[in-house]
Amino acid sequence: MFSNRLAQPLIVAATAAAWSALQPLLPTPVLAAGYSVGEIAAYHIAGAISAPQAIRLGASRAALMDACLQAASPQVLFAVSGVAVRALAALLARHRLYVAIETDADSCIAGGLVQDMVLAASEIVHLGGRIRVLPVTVASHTPLMDGAVLPFSQQLRREFSANPQLPVLSGLNGQALIKKEQAITVLSRQMVQTIHWDACMDACAEQGVTAALELGPGAALSRMLRERHPQIACRSLSEFRSLQGVHSWLHRLRCGSCCVRRPSEFLRIRHQLQKRFDEIGRHRWRIAPVNQRHD
């Protein structure tokens, strides 16, 4: 399952299948976002490409990245936490390693050659960092994938024929994209450039997102978003026993946000009523103070 050739198209296929089942039950999303290869699936959710197109792109992406491997120089991705990413990036650069995915100010995924990681490991630990090697043999989102960019860009151009119907967050900087040309550029460049997932999570909050649902396998992304922006109700599809459970959860959230008035709204209504009573001369009428609880 951790084979790059299998994992990438399967992740896209699983996300597309989940969306196909859920779409009739859910309100239209305000935006979509995808982590690494999941960004391809996000464009399917946004209506820019079909499910078969997205799966083909996932398979092609994996094959082109595999073609960048050299048996004599194995590649690796490894998680680093406990050290500021800015300081870590300088250390990594000295060893020809790269920040592949930035998830927080003090946590990231780094990538490069195995031999260079081994040399850098002791320095990272000396800075207080913790290292966890991932079961991935392709240093995605680093310059080691440079040979895959042009052919993948060409395939993207063949597959994309429509603009997304809702904004998709760019993994490179969290910008909301609405044009197919933007999608083609970002999806090809993200193979060799750092993914700023922290910026994507912040963009969700800035766009006023109140609820988020993770569709792909696992629950790591929903956990990260919950920890970074606890005001956003966020869950993973894997946490539910049925599709109806997802629908019920979102329905409860929507009813809650629609039916519960904020204290400021009650105070405004009270002021308007008091003013009206005063205008008609019924000064013996007074509106009782409002209990500002809103359970």
Protein backbone atom coordinates (compact mmCIF):
# COMPACT_ATOMS: atom_id res chain seq x y z
CA MET A 1 0.00 0.00 0.00
CA PHE A 2 2.92 2.36 0.60
CA SER A 3 4.14 1.83 -2.97
CA ASN A 4 4.06 5.23 -4.65
CA ARG A 5 2.73 3.68 -7.86
CA LEU A 6 -0.28 2.26 -6.00
CA ALA A 7 -0.82 4.80 -3.24
CA GLN A 8 -1.32 7.96 -5.29
CA PRO A 9 -4.08 6.77 -7.64
CA LEU A 10 -5.76 4.86 -4.79
CA ILE A 11 -5.88 7.97 -2.59
CA VAL A 12 -7.47 9.93 -5.43
CA ALA A 13 -9.90 7.10 -6.21
CA ALA A 14 -10.94 6.72 -2.56
CA THR A 15 -11.59 10.46 -2.26
CA ALA A 16 -13.56 10.54 -5.51
CA ALA A 17 -15.67 7.55 -4.41
CA ALA A 18 -16.41 9.18 -1.06
CA TRP A 19 -17.44 12.42 -2.75
CA SER A 20 -19.67 10.57 -5.24
CA ALA A 21 -21.57 9.00 -2.35
CA LEU A 22 -21.72 12.12 -0.18
CA GLN A 23 -22.39 14.87 -2.72
CA PRO A 24 -26.19 14.31 -2.94
CA LEU A 25 -26.44 14.53 0.86
CA LEU A 26 -24.33 17.62 1.50
CA PRO A 27 -24.63 21.36 0.88
CA THR A 28 -22.34 22.83 -1.77
CA PRO A 29 -18.88 23.43 -0.26
CA VAL A 30 -17.47 26.95 -0.17
CA LEU A 31 -14.03 25.65 -1.14
CA ALA A 32 -11.92 22.51 -1.54
CA ALA A 33 -8.35 21.74 -0.50
CA GLY A 34 -6.06 18.77 -0.92
CA TYR A 35 -2.83 17.65 0.73
CA SER A 36 -0.13 16.68 -1.82
CA VAL A 37 -1.74 14.31 -4.37
CA GLY A 38 -5.04 15.11 -2.68
CA GLU A 39 -5.00 18.44 -4.47
CA ILE A 40 -5.85 16.56 -7.67
CA ALA A 41 -8.88 15.08 -5.93
CA ALA A 42 -9.83 18.58 -4.77
CA TYR A 43 -10.14 19.70 -8.39
CA HIS A 44 -12.45 16.78 -9.05
CA ILE A 45 -14.62 17.84 -6.10
CA ALA A 46 -14.59 21.38 -7.53
CA GLY A 47 -15.91 20.06 -10.86
CA ALA A 48 -12.85 20.85 -12.98
CA ILE A 49 -12.07 17.22 -13.89
CA SER A 50 -13.96 13.93 -13.81
CA ALA A 51 -13.17 11.06 -11.45
CA PRO A 52 -11.48 8.98 -14.22
CA GLN A 53 -9.39 12.01 -15.20
CA ALA A 54 -8.33 12.59 -11.60
CA ILE A 55 -7.35 8.93 -11.13
CA ARG A 56 -5.38 8.96 -14.39
CA LEU A 57 -3.54 12.06 -13.25
CA GLY A 58 -2.77 10.43 -9.90
CA ALA A 59 -1.33 7.36 -11.64
CA SER A 60 0.67 9.48 -14.10
CA ARG A 61 2.02 11.66 -11.29
CA ALA A 62 3.23 8.59 -9.42
CA ALA A 63 4.87 7.08 -12.51
CA LEU A 64 6.66 10.32 -13.38
CA MET A 65 7.93 10.69 -9.83
CA ASP A 66 9.13 7.07 -9.78
CA ALA A 67 11.08 7.82 -12.97
CA CYS A 68 13.10 10.37 -10.97
CA LEU A 69 14.48 7.65 -8.67
CA GLN A 70 17.98 6.23 -8.93
CA ALA A 71 18.75 2.86 -7.39
CA ALA A 72 22.19 3.97 -6.22
CA SER A 73 20.77 7.03 -4.42
CA PRO A 74 17.60 6.09 -2.52
CA GLN A 75 15.27 8.91 -1.51
CA VAL A 76 13.33 9.48 1.69
CA LEU A 77 10.72 11.63 3.40
CA PHE A 78 10.94 12.14 7.16
CA ALA A 79 8.88 14.08 9.69
CA VAL A 80 10.67 16.58 11.94
CA SER A 81 9.11 18.25 14.97
CA GLY A 82 10.32 20.25 17.95
CA VAL A 83 12.53 22.68 16.05
CA ALA A 84 11.64 25.93 14.25
CA VAL A 85 11.18 25.26 10.54
CA ARG A 86 13.14 28.39 9.58
CA ALA A 87 16.18 27.21 11.52
CA LEU A 88 15.71 23.67 10.26
CA ALA A 89 15.57 24.78 6.62
CA ALA A 90 19.06 26.30 6.86
CA LEU A 91 20.41 23.10 8.40
CA LEU A 92 18.75 20.95 5.76
CA ALA A 93 20.12 23.08 2.93
CA ARG A 94 23.67 22.45 4.12
CA HIS A 95 23.03 18.74 3.64
CA ARG A 96 21.16 19.06 0.32
CA LEU A 97 17.88 18.26 2.03
CA TYR A 98 14.62 20.20 1.66
CA VAL A 99 11.45 21.16 3.52
CA ALA A 100 8.80 19.26 1.54
CA ILE A 101 5.64 20.05 3.53
CA GLU A 102 5.30 22.69 6.24
CA THR A 103 2.55 21.93 8.74
CA ASP A 104 3.36 24.31 11.61
CA ALA A 105 6.04 26.71 12.82
CA ASP A 106 7.92 23.82 14.44
CA SER A 107 6.90 20.77 12.41
CA CYS A 108 7.36 19.71 8.81
CA ILE A 109 8.07 16.88 6.40
CA ALA A 110 11.57 16.97 4.95
CA GLY A 111 12.97 15.09 1.98
CA GLY A 112 16.10 14.23 0.06
CA LEU A 113 18.55 11.35 -0.24
CA VAL A 114 18.81 8.77 2.52
CA GLN A 115 22.57 9.25 2.82
CA ASP A 116 22.15 13.00 3.40
CA MET A 117 19.42 12.45 6.01
CA VAL A 118 21.75 10.14 7.94
CA LEU A 119 24.44 12.82 8.01
CA ALA A 120 22.01 15.53 9.14
CA ALA A 121 20.16 13.49 11.77
CA SER A 122 22.52 14.13 14.66
CA GLU A 123 22.46 17.91 14.07
CA ILE A 124 18.66 17.92 14.00
CA VAL A 125 18.50 16.01 17.28
CA HIS A 126 21.09 18.38 18.77
CA LEU A 127 18.73 21.30 18.02
CA GLY A 128 15.99 19.51 19.95
CA GLY A 129 14.26 18.01 16.93
CA ARG A 130 12.54 14.65 16.73
CA ILE A 131 12.78 12.58 13.54
CA ARG A 132 10.37 9.96 12.21
CA VAL A 133 11.19 8.29 8.90
CA LEU A 134 8.08 7.85 6.73
CA PRO A 135 7.35 4.74 4.64
CA VAL A 136 7.84 6.74 1.43
CA THR A 137 10.69 6.23 -1.03
CA VAL A 138 10.06 9.31 -3.19
CA ALA A 139 11.22 12.77 -2.07
CA SER A 140 8.13 14.57 -3.34
CA HIS A 141 7.90 18.36 -3.20
CA THR A 142 11.68 18.70 -3.54
CA PRO A 143 13.94 19.55 -6.51
CA LEU A 144 14.68 15.82 -6.86
CA MET A 145 11.38 15.59 -8.76
CA ASP A 146 12.38 18.20 -11.36
CA GLY A 147 12.27 15.72 -14.24
CA ALA A 148 8.56 15.11 -13.63
CA VAL A 149 7.36 18.71 -13.87
CA LEU A 150 7.22 19.29 -17.63
CA PRO A 151 5.61 15.98 -18.67
CA PHE A 152 3.06 16.25 -15.87
CA SER A 153 2.25 19.82 -16.87
CA GLN A 154 1.60 18.60 -20.40
CA GLN A 155 -0.76 15.90 -19.19
CA LEU A 156 -2.58 18.35 -16.94
CA ARG A 157 -3.14 20.58 -19.95
CA ARG A 158 -4.69 17.66 -21.82
CA GLU A 159 -6.99 16.67 -18.97
CA PHE A 160 -8.18 20.09 -17.72
CA SER A 161 -10.88 21.55 -19.95
CA ALA A 162 -12.94 23.58 -17.45
CA ASN A 163 -12.44 26.01 -14.62
CA PRO A 164 -13.27 24.75 -11.12
CA GLN A 165 -16.81 25.58 -10.02
CA LEU A 166 -15.64 26.51 -6.52
CA PRO A 167 -12.30 27.81 -5.21
CA VAL A 168 -9.49 25.32 -4.60
CA LEU A 169 -6.70 26.24 -2.19
CA SER A 170 -3.20 26.14 -3.65
CA GLY A 171 -0.91 23.88 -1.66
CA LEU A 172 1.96 26.26 -2.42
CA ASN A 173 0.58 29.27 -0.52
CA GLY A 174 -3.08 28.77 0.42
CA GLN A 175 -4.34 31.08 -2.35
CA ALA A 176 -7.88 30.35 -3.58
CA LEU A 177 -7.69 29.42 -7.28
CA ILE A 178 -10.60 29.59 -9.73
CA LYS A 179 -8.94 29.16 -13.15
CA LYS A 180 -7.76 25.98 -14.87
CA GLU A 181 -4.49 27.65 -15.94
CA GLN A 182 -3.74 28.34 -12.29
CA ALA A 183 -4.47 24.70 -11.48
CA ILE A 184 -2.11 23.44 -14.17
CA THR A 185 0.72 25.66 -12.95
CA VAL A 186 0.29 24.85 -9.27
CA LEU A 187 -0.22 21.09 -9.64
CA SER A 188 2.95 20.76 -11.68
CA ARG A 189 5.10 23.14 -9.59
CA GLN A 190 4.09 21.55 -6.29
CA MET A 191 6.02 18.44 -7.29
CA VAL A 192 9.28 20.33 -6.69
CA GLN A 193 8.26 23.08 -4.27
CA THR A 194 7.33 23.12 -0.60
CA ILE A 195 3.69 22.49 0.29
CA HIS A 196 2.54 25.03 2.87
CA TRP A 197 -0.30 23.11 4.47
CA ASP A 198 -0.22 25.54 7.40
CA ALA A 199 -1.17 28.33 4.96
CA CYS A 200 -4.04 26.22 3.60
CA MET A 201 -5.42 25.68 7.10
CA ASP A 202 -5.14 29.40 7.85
CA ALA A 203 -6.89 30.18 4.55
CA CYS A 204 -9.85 28.03 5.62
CA ALA A 205 -10.23 30.15 8.75
CA GLU A 206 -9.78 33.40 6.82
CA GLN A 207 -12.47 32.35 4.31
CA GLY A 208 -14.92 31.93 7.18
CA VAL A 209 -15.17 28.14 6.98
CA THR A 210 -17.21 26.85 9.93
CA ALA A 211 -17.11 23.10 9.20
CA ALA A 212 -14.66 20.88 7.33
CA LEU A 213 -14.86 17.24 6.31
CA GLU A 214 -11.81 15.14 5.47
CA LEU A 215 -12.66 12.68 2.69
CA GLY A 216 -9.41 10.83 2.11
CA PRO A 217 -8.11 7.84 4.09
CA GLY A 218 -7.29 8.53 7.73
CA ALA A 219 -7.91 11.50 10.00
CA ALA A 220 -4.53 13.27 10.22
CA LEU A 221 -5.64 16.36 8.28
CA SER A 222 -8.81 16.92 10.29
CA ARG A 223 -6.81 16.56 13.50
CA MET A 224 -4.27 19.16 12.35
CA LEU A 225 -6.99 21.62 11.36
CA ARG A 226 -8.83 21.11 14.66
CA GLU A 227 -5.68 21.77 16.66
CA ARG A 228 -4.73 24.87 14.67
CA HIS A 229 -8.23 26.37 14.38
CA PRO A 230 -10.45 24.88 17.10
CA GLN A 231 -13.33 27.19 16.14
CA ILE A 232 -13.80 25.12 12.94
CA ALA A 233 -15.89 21.98 13.42
CA CYS A 234 -13.76 19.39 11.70
CA ARG A 235 -14.11 15.64 11.34
CA SER A 236 -12.94 12.84 9.05
CA LEU A 237 -15.23 10.57 7.08
CA SER A 238 -13.46 7.64 8.76
CA GLU A 239 -14.99 8.68 12.11
CA PHE A 240 -18.56 7.99 10.94
CA ARG A 241 -20.34 4.66 10.74
CA SER A 242 -22.56 5.73 7.83
CA LEU A 243 -23.02 8.43 5.22
CA GLN A 244 -26.24 9.44 6.97
CA GLY A 245 -24.14 10.12 10.06
CA VAL A 246 -22.14 12.72 8.11
CA HIS A 247 -25.33 14.34 6.88
CA SER A 248 -26.81 14.43 10.40
CA TRP A 249 -23.65 16.00 11.83
CA LEU A 250 -23.61 18.79 9.26
CA HIS A 251 -27.36 19.32 9.62
CA ARG A 252 -26.98 19.81 13.38
CA LEU A 253 -24.20 22.31 12.80
CA ARG A 254 -26.25 24.28 10.26
CA CYS A 255 -29.35 24.34 12.49
CA GLY A 256 -27.29 25.46 15.43
CA SER A 257 -25.72 28.33 13.54
CA CYS A 258 -29.07 29.41 12.10
CA CYS A 259 -31.25 29.10 15.19
CA VAL A 260 -29.05 30.51 17.96
CA ARG A 261 -28.94 34.28 18.02
CA ARG A 262 -25.90 36.05 19.39
CA PRO A 263 -26.36 38.33 22.46
CA SER A 264 -25.67 41.40 20.34
CA GLU A 265 -28.68 40.56 18.16
CA PHE A 266 -30.97 40.29 21.19
CA LEU A 267 -29.70 43.63 22.47
CA ARG A 268 -30.33 45.26 19.10
CA ILE A 269 -33.90 43.95 19.00
CA ARG A 270 -34.49 45.06 22.60
CA HIS A 271 -33.23 48.56 21.78
CA GLN A 272 -35.52 48.81 18.74
CA LEU A 273 -38.57 47.72 20.70
CA GLN A 274 -37.81 50.10 23.56
CA LYS A 275 -37.38 52.97 21.10
CA ARG A 276 -40.72 52.15 19.46
CA PHE A 277 -42.55 52.05 22.79
CA ASP A 278 -41.02 55.39 23.76
CA GLU A 279 -42.10 56.92 20.44
CA ILE A 280 -45.76 56.07 20.99
CA GLY A 281 -45.66 57.50 24.52
CA ARG A 282 -46.17 54.29 26.44
CA HIS A 283 -43.47 55.08 28.94
CA ARG A 284 -44.95 52.68 31.49
CA TRP A 285 -43.80 49.82 29.21
CA ARG A 286 -40.25 48.66 29.65
CA ILE A 287 -38.42 45.72 28.19
CA ALA A 288 -36.79 43.51 30.78
CA PRO A 289 -33.01 43.03 30.58
CA VAL A 290 -31.99 40.21 28.28
CA ASN A 291 -30.37 37.09 29.64
CA GLN A 292 -27.30 36.85 27.42
CA ARG A 293 -26.91 33.12 27.76
CA HIS A 294 -27.31 31.26 24.47
CA ASP A 295 -27.02 27.58 25.21
